């Protein structure tokens, strides 16, 4: 269902606008320059203000067989970005990330990097006005 048929071409990609008061960022761990496939990649969108998160969206790339959105992030809504929230987020990423071992690094390293990137991005985005 995702393959283009003979003579078909993609003519547009529609990206919906971000919600008001949303900030987002992506970070990836890789061996070489930006063209490398990520060993662990994390996209985070924080909606809200410096006091409280209204919504938290986290997606992982390079860890599982396909990119995916982290489940159960609605539990972070209405909370302040503090050490407890950041620790819970790290544990959620580590539970849901299922990287395979590569010749470059261990699966546990990739899991830990994904968790650390998610934690750092949430702190950075929450502090951004």
N, C-alpha and C. Protein backbone atom coordinates (compact mmCIF):
# COMPACT_ATOMS: atom_id res chain seq x y z
N UNK A 1 0.81 -1.20 0.00
CA UNK A 1 0.00 0.00 0.00
C UNK A 1 0.85 1.27 0.00
N UNK A 2 2.15 1.14 0.30
CA UNK A 2 3.02 2.31 0.32
C UNK A 2 3.81 2.49 -0.97
N UNK A 3 3.76 1.52 -1.85
CA UNK A 3 4.52 1.59 -3.09
C UNK A 3 3.78 2.42 -4.12
N UNK A 4 4.53 3.20 -4.87
CA UNK A 4 3.94 3.96 -5.97
C UNK A 4 3.71 3.03 -7.15
N UNK A 5 2.63 3.25 -7.84
CA UNK A 5 2.34 2.49 -9.03
C UNK A 5 3.11 3.03 -10.22
N UNK A 6 3.07 2.32 -11.32
CA UNK A 6 3.73 2.74 -12.55
C UNK A 6 3.19 4.10 -12.97
N UNK A 7 4.07 5.06 -13.21
CA UNK A 7 3.66 6.39 -13.66
C UNK A 7 3.24 7.34 -12.54
N UNK A 8 3.20 6.87 -11.31
CA UNK A 8 2.83 7.73 -10.18
C UNK A 8 4.06 8.44 -9.63
N UNK A 9 3.86 9.69 -9.17
CA UNK A 9 4.93 10.43 -8.51
C UNK A 9 4.34 11.17 -7.30
N UNK A 10 5.18 11.43 -6.34
CA UNK A 10 4.77 12.23 -5.18
C UNK A 10 4.83 13.68 -5.59
N UNK A 11 3.73 14.41 -5.44
CA UNK A 11 3.69 15.81 -5.85
C UNK A 11 3.64 16.76 -4.67
N UNK A 12 3.34 16.25 -3.47
CA UNK A 12 3.30 17.13 -2.31
C UNK A 12 3.41 16.31 -1.03
N UNK A 13 3.98 16.94 -0.04
CA UNK A 13 4.02 16.38 1.30
C UNK A 13 3.48 17.47 2.21
N UNK A 14 2.45 17.18 2.96
CA UNK A 14 1.84 18.16 3.83
C UNK A 14 2.29 17.90 5.27
N UNK A 15 2.93 18.90 5.84
CA UNK A 15 3.36 18.83 7.24
C UNK A 15 2.49 19.82 8.01
N UNK A 16 1.69 19.31 8.95
CA UNK A 16 0.82 20.22 9.68
C UNK A 16 1.63 21.18 10.55
N UNK A 17 1.11 22.38 10.79
CA UNK A 17 1.85 23.32 11.64
C UNK A 17 1.93 22.80 13.08
N UNK A 18 2.98 23.21 13.76
CA UNK A 18 3.12 22.82 15.16
C UNK A 18 2.06 23.56 15.99
N UNK A 19 1.65 22.94 17.09
CA UNK A 19 0.73 23.64 18.00
C UNK A 19 1.38 24.90 18.56
N UNK A 20 0.57 25.82 19.01
CA UNK A 20 1.09 27.03 19.65
C UNK A 20 1.91 26.61 20.86
N UNK A 21 2.97 27.35 21.11
CA UNK A 21 3.88 27.12 22.25
C UNK A 21 4.60 25.77 22.19
N UNK A 22 4.81 25.27 20.97
CA UNK A 22 5.53 24.01 20.81
C UNK A 22 6.94 24.30 20.32
N UNK A 23 7.87 23.53 20.84
CA UNK A 23 9.26 23.58 20.41
C UNK A 23 9.70 22.15 20.14
N UNK A 24 10.53 21.98 19.12
CA UNK A 24 10.95 20.61 18.79
C UNK A 24 12.40 20.59 18.34
N UNK A 25 13.00 19.41 18.45
CA UNK A 25 14.39 19.23 18.03
C UNK A 25 14.64 17.75 17.78
N UNK A 26 15.71 17.48 17.03
CA UNK A 26 16.12 16.11 16.72
C UNK A 26 17.62 16.00 16.93
N UNK A 27 18.04 14.90 17.49
CA UNK A 27 19.47 14.64 17.68
C UNK A 27 19.74 13.18 17.37
N UNK A 28 20.88 12.90 16.73
CA UNK A 28 21.22 11.51 16.45
C UNK A 28 22.68 11.23 16.74
N UNK A 29 22.92 10.01 17.18
CA UNK A 29 24.28 9.51 17.39
C UNK A 29 24.66 8.73 16.14
N UNK A 30 25.86 8.98 15.65
CA UNK A 30 26.30 8.31 14.43
C UNK A 30 27.82 8.20 14.45
N UNK A 31 28.33 7.39 13.57
CA UNK A 31 29.77 7.17 13.52
C UNK A 31 30.45 8.28 12.73
N UNK A 32 29.91 8.61 11.58
CA UNK A 32 30.52 9.61 10.71
C UNK A 32 29.64 10.84 10.61
N UNK A 33 29.73 11.55 9.53
CA UNK A 33 29.00 12.80 9.34
C UNK A 33 27.49 12.58 9.26
N UNK A 34 26.79 13.63 8.96
CA UNK A 34 25.33 13.65 9.01
C UNK A 34 24.66 12.64 8.09
N UNK A 35 25.35 12.14 7.08
CA UNK A 35 24.72 11.21 6.15
C UNK A 35 24.55 9.82 6.73
N UNK A 36 25.23 9.53 7.82
CA UNK A 36 25.15 8.20 8.42
C UNK A 36 23.77 7.88 8.98
N UNK A 37 23.41 6.62 8.87
CA UNK A 37 22.20 6.12 9.52
C UNK A 37 22.42 6.25 11.03
N UNK A 38 21.42 6.71 11.78
CA UNK A 38 21.64 6.90 13.21
C UNK A 38 21.77 5.58 13.96
N UNK A 39 22.71 5.54 14.89
CA UNK A 39 22.78 4.42 15.83
C UNK A 39 21.66 4.58 16.85
N UNK A 40 21.32 5.82 17.14
CA UNK A 40 20.18 6.18 17.98
C UNK A 40 19.81 7.60 17.64
N UNK A 41 18.55 7.83 17.32
CA UNK A 41 18.07 9.17 17.03
C UNK A 41 16.82 9.45 17.84
N UNK A 42 16.68 10.70 18.28
CA UNK A 42 15.54 11.07 19.11
C UNK A 42 14.96 12.40 18.62
N UNK A 43 13.68 12.42 18.39
CA UNK A 43 12.94 13.65 18.09
C UNK A 43 12.02 13.93 19.27
N UNK A 44 12.03 15.18 19.72
CA UNK A 44 11.20 15.56 20.86
C UNK A 44 10.44 16.83 20.52
N UNK A 45 9.17 16.86 20.90
CA UNK A 45 8.37 18.09 20.82
C UNK A 45 7.75 18.33 22.18
N UNK A 46 8.02 19.50 22.73
CA UNK A 46 7.45 19.90 24.01
C UNK A 46 6.47 21.02 23.75
N UNK A 47 5.24 20.87 24.21
CA UNK A 47 4.24 21.91 24.10
C UNK A 47 3.92 22.39 25.50
N UNK A 48 3.93 23.69 25.68
CA UNK A 48 3.65 24.26 27.00
C UNK A 48 4.57 25.43 27.26
N UNK A 49 4.76 25.73 28.54
CA UNK A 49 5.65 26.82 28.91
C UNK A 49 6.72 26.30 29.85
N UNK A 50 7.50 27.22 30.41
CA UNK A 50 8.60 26.80 31.30
C UNK A 50 8.10 26.16 32.58
N UNK A 51 6.88 26.42 32.94
CA UNK A 51 6.33 25.90 34.20
C UNK A 51 5.79 24.48 34.07
N UNK A 52 5.06 24.21 33.00
CA UNK A 52 4.38 22.92 32.84
C UNK A 52 4.39 22.47 31.39
N UNK A 53 4.48 21.15 31.21
CA UNK A 53 4.36 20.54 29.90
C UNK A 53 2.87 20.29 29.64
N UNK A 54 2.38 20.77 28.53
CA UNK A 54 1.01 20.44 28.13
C UNK A 54 0.98 19.11 27.40
N UNK A 55 2.01 18.91 26.58
CA UNK A 55 2.10 17.67 25.79
C UNK A 55 3.56 17.38 25.49
N UNK A 56 3.90 16.10 25.54
CA UNK A 56 5.26 15.67 25.21
C UNK A 56 5.17 14.58 24.16
N UNK A 57 5.86 14.79 23.04
CA UNK A 57 5.93 13.80 21.98
C UNK A 57 7.40 13.42 21.80
N UNK A 58 7.66 12.12 21.78
CA UNK A 58 9.02 11.61 21.60
C UNK A 58 8.98 10.51 20.56
N UNK A 59 9.90 10.58 19.60
CA UNK A 59 10.01 9.53 18.59
C UNK A 59 11.47 9.06 18.54
N UNK A 60 11.65 7.78 18.31
CA UNK A 60 12.99 7.19 18.23
C UNK A 60 13.25 6.66 16.83
N UNK A 61 14.47 6.83 16.38
CA UNK A 61 14.92 6.26 15.11
C UNK A 61 16.22 5.51 15.36
N UNK A 62 16.47 4.52 14.53
CA UNK A 62 17.74 3.81 14.59
C UNK A 62 17.85 2.78 15.70
N UNK A 63 16.88 2.71 16.58
CA UNK A 63 16.97 1.76 17.68
C UNK A 63 16.15 0.50 17.41
N UNK A 64 15.01 0.66 16.85
CA UNK A 64 14.12 -0.47 16.59
C UNK A 64 14.09 -0.75 15.09
N UNK A 65 13.27 -1.68 14.67
CA UNK A 65 13.22 -2.03 13.25
C UNK A 65 12.65 -0.92 12.38
N UNK A 66 11.99 0.04 13.02
CA UNK A 66 11.43 1.19 12.29
C UNK A 66 11.30 2.35 13.27
N UNK A 67 11.21 3.58 12.77
CA UNK A 67 10.97 4.72 13.67
C UNK A 67 9.62 4.54 14.36
N UNK A 68 9.51 5.02 15.59
CA UNK A 68 8.23 4.92 16.30
C UNK A 68 8.10 6.01 17.33
N UNK A 69 6.85 6.30 17.68
CA UNK A 69 6.56 7.25 18.76
C UNK A 69 6.57 6.52 20.08
N UNK A 70 7.18 7.12 21.06
CA UNK A 70 7.21 6.56 22.41
C UNK A 70 5.78 6.53 22.95
N UNK A 71 5.40 5.40 23.51
CA UNK A 71 4.06 5.25 24.08
C UNK A 71 4.01 5.85 25.48
N UNK A 72 2.84 6.17 25.91
CA UNK A 72 2.56 6.59 27.28
C UNK A 72 3.14 7.95 27.66
N UNK A 73 3.41 8.82 26.69
CA UNK A 73 3.94 10.14 27.02
C UNK A 73 2.87 11.07 27.60
N UNK A 74 1.61 10.68 27.47
CA UNK A 74 0.56 11.52 28.06
C UNK A 74 0.68 11.59 29.58
N UNK A 75 1.39 10.67 30.19
CA UNK A 75 1.61 10.69 31.64
C UNK A 75 2.44 11.89 32.08
N UNK A 76 3.14 12.52 31.15
CA UNK A 76 3.97 13.68 31.49
C UNK A 76 3.21 15.00 31.39
N UNK A 77 2.02 15.00 30.85
CA UNK A 77 1.23 16.22 30.68
C UNK A 77 0.88 16.82 32.04
N UNK A 78 0.99 18.13 32.13
CA UNK A 78 0.64 18.84 33.34
C UNK A 78 1.74 18.87 34.38
N UNK A 79 2.89 18.32 34.05
CA UNK A 79 3.99 18.24 35.01
C UNK A 79 5.11 19.23 34.67
N UNK A 80 5.84 19.60 35.69
CA UNK A 80 7.02 20.43 35.49
C UNK A 80 8.18 19.54 35.05
N UNK A 81 9.10 20.13 34.29
CA UNK A 81 10.31 19.40 33.89
C UNK A 81 11.28 19.48 35.06
N UNK A 82 11.34 18.40 35.80
CA UNK A 82 12.23 18.32 36.95
C UNK A 82 12.99 16.99 36.88
N UNK A 83 13.80 16.72 37.89
CA UNK A 83 14.62 15.50 37.87
C UNK A 83 13.77 14.24 37.82
N UNK A 84 12.61 14.24 38.50
CA UNK A 84 11.75 13.06 38.51
C UNK A 84 11.18 12.78 37.12
N UNK A 85 10.69 13.82 36.44
CA UNK A 85 10.15 13.64 35.09
C UNK A 85 11.24 13.15 34.15
N UNK A 86 12.40 13.75 34.21
CA UNK A 86 13.50 13.37 33.32
C UNK A 86 13.92 11.92 33.57
N UNK A 87 13.97 11.51 34.82
CA UNK A 87 14.33 10.12 35.13
C UNK A 87 13.28 9.15 34.60
N UNK A 88 12.00 9.48 34.77
CA UNK A 88 10.93 8.62 34.25
C UNK A 88 10.98 8.53 32.73
N UNK A 89 11.26 9.63 32.07
CA UNK A 89 11.37 9.63 30.61
C UNK A 89 12.52 8.72 30.18
N UNK A 90 13.65 8.82 30.83
CA UNK A 90 14.79 7.96 30.49
C UNK A 90 14.44 6.49 30.63
N UNK A 91 13.73 6.13 31.69
CA UNK A 91 13.32 4.73 31.89
C UNK A 91 12.34 4.29 30.81
N UNK A 92 11.42 5.17 30.42
CA UNK A 92 10.45 4.84 29.37
C UNK A 92 11.15 4.58 28.04
N UNK A 93 12.13 5.41 27.72
CA UNK A 93 12.89 5.21 26.47
C UNK A 93 13.65 3.89 26.54
N UNK A 94 14.29 3.61 27.65
CA UNK A 94 15.05 2.37 27.75
C UNK A 94 14.15 1.13 27.67
N UNK A 95 12.94 1.22 28.21
CA UNK A 95 12.00 0.08 28.12
C UNK A 95 11.53 -0.17 26.70
N UNK A 96 11.30 0.90 25.96
CA UNK A 96 10.69 0.75 24.64
C UNK A 96 11.69 0.64 23.50
N UNK A 97 12.91 1.09 23.71
CA UNK A 97 13.93 0.97 22.67
C UNK A 97 14.41 -0.47 22.62
N UNK A 98 14.47 -1.01 21.43
CA UNK A 98 14.91 -2.40 21.26
C UNK A 98 15.98 -2.53 20.20
N UNK A 99 17.12 -1.89 20.41
CA UNK A 99 18.15 -1.92 19.37
C UNK A 99 18.84 -3.28 19.27
N UNK A 100 19.23 -3.60 18.06
CA UNK A 100 20.03 -4.81 17.83
C UNK A 100 21.50 -4.44 17.93
N UNK A 101 22.31 -5.41 18.26
CA UNK A 101 23.75 -5.18 18.33
C UNK A 101 24.26 -4.96 16.91
N UNK A 102 25.21 -4.05 16.79
CA UNK A 102 25.86 -3.82 15.49
C UNK A 102 27.35 -4.09 15.65
N UNK A 103 28.07 -4.03 14.55
CA UNK A 103 29.52 -4.20 14.62
C UNK A 103 30.18 -2.96 15.21
N UNK A 104 29.43 -1.88 15.32
CA UNK A 104 29.97 -0.61 15.81
C UNK A 104 29.82 -0.48 17.33
N UNK A 105 28.68 -0.90 17.86
CA UNK A 105 28.41 -0.69 19.28
C UNK A 105 27.39 -1.71 19.80
N UNK A 106 27.28 -1.79 21.10
CA UNK A 106 26.34 -2.72 21.72
C UNK A 106 24.92 -2.15 21.71
N UNK A 107 23.95 -3.02 21.85
CA UNK A 107 22.55 -2.57 21.90
C UNK A 107 22.29 -1.76 23.16
N UNK A 108 22.92 -2.13 24.27
CA UNK A 108 22.72 -1.39 25.51
C UNK A 108 23.24 0.04 25.38
N UNK A 109 24.37 0.24 24.72
CA UNK A 109 24.89 1.60 24.51
C UNK A 109 23.90 2.44 23.73
N UNK A 110 23.33 1.87 22.68
CA UNK A 110 22.36 2.60 21.85
C UNK A 110 21.12 2.94 22.65
N UNK A 111 20.67 2.03 23.50
CA UNK A 111 19.51 2.28 24.36
C UNK A 111 19.80 3.43 25.33
N UNK A 112 20.97 3.42 25.93
CA UNK A 112 21.33 4.48 26.88
C UNK A 112 21.50 5.83 26.19
N UNK A 113 22.07 5.84 25.01
CA UNK A 113 22.22 7.09 24.26
C UNK A 113 20.85 7.67 23.91
N UNK A 114 19.93 6.83 23.46
CA UNK A 114 18.58 7.31 23.14
C UNK A 114 17.93 7.94 24.38
N UNK A 115 18.05 7.29 25.51
CA UNK A 115 17.46 7.82 26.75
C UNK A 115 18.10 9.15 27.13
N UNK A 116 19.43 9.23 27.05
CA UNK A 116 20.14 10.46 27.41
C UNK A 116 19.76 11.60 26.47
N UNK A 117 19.70 11.33 25.17
CA UNK A 117 19.31 12.37 24.22
C UNK A 117 17.89 12.87 24.51
N UNK A 118 16.97 11.96 24.78
CA UNK A 118 15.59 12.37 25.08
C UNK A 118 15.56 13.26 26.32
N UNK A 119 16.29 12.86 27.35
CA UNK A 119 16.33 13.65 28.59
C UNK A 119 16.91 15.04 28.34
N UNK A 120 18.01 15.11 27.63
CA UNK A 120 18.65 16.41 27.36
C UNK A 120 17.75 17.31 26.52
N UNK A 121 17.13 16.72 25.48
CA UNK A 121 16.27 17.53 24.62
C UNK A 121 15.07 18.08 25.37
N UNK A 122 14.48 17.28 26.24
CA UNK A 122 13.33 17.78 27.02
C UNK A 122 13.75 18.94 27.90
N UNK A 123 14.88 18.81 28.57
CA UNK A 123 15.37 19.92 29.42
C UNK A 123 15.65 21.17 28.57
N UNK A 124 16.32 21.00 27.45
CA UNK A 124 16.66 22.15 26.59
C UNK A 124 15.40 22.83 26.04
N UNK A 125 14.46 22.04 25.55
CA UNK A 125 13.25 22.61 24.96
C UNK A 125 12.36 23.25 26.01
N UNK A 126 12.29 22.67 27.19
CA UNK A 126 11.48 23.26 28.26
C UNK A 126 12.05 24.60 28.71
N UNK A 127 13.36 24.76 28.61
CA UNK A 127 14.00 26.01 29.03
C UNK A 127 13.97 27.09 27.95
N UNK A 128 13.59 26.70 26.73
CA UNK A 128 13.54 27.66 25.62
C UNK A 128 12.25 28.46 25.69
N UNK A 129 12.38 29.80 25.63
CA UNK A 129 11.14 30.62 25.69
C UNK A 129 10.28 30.46 24.46
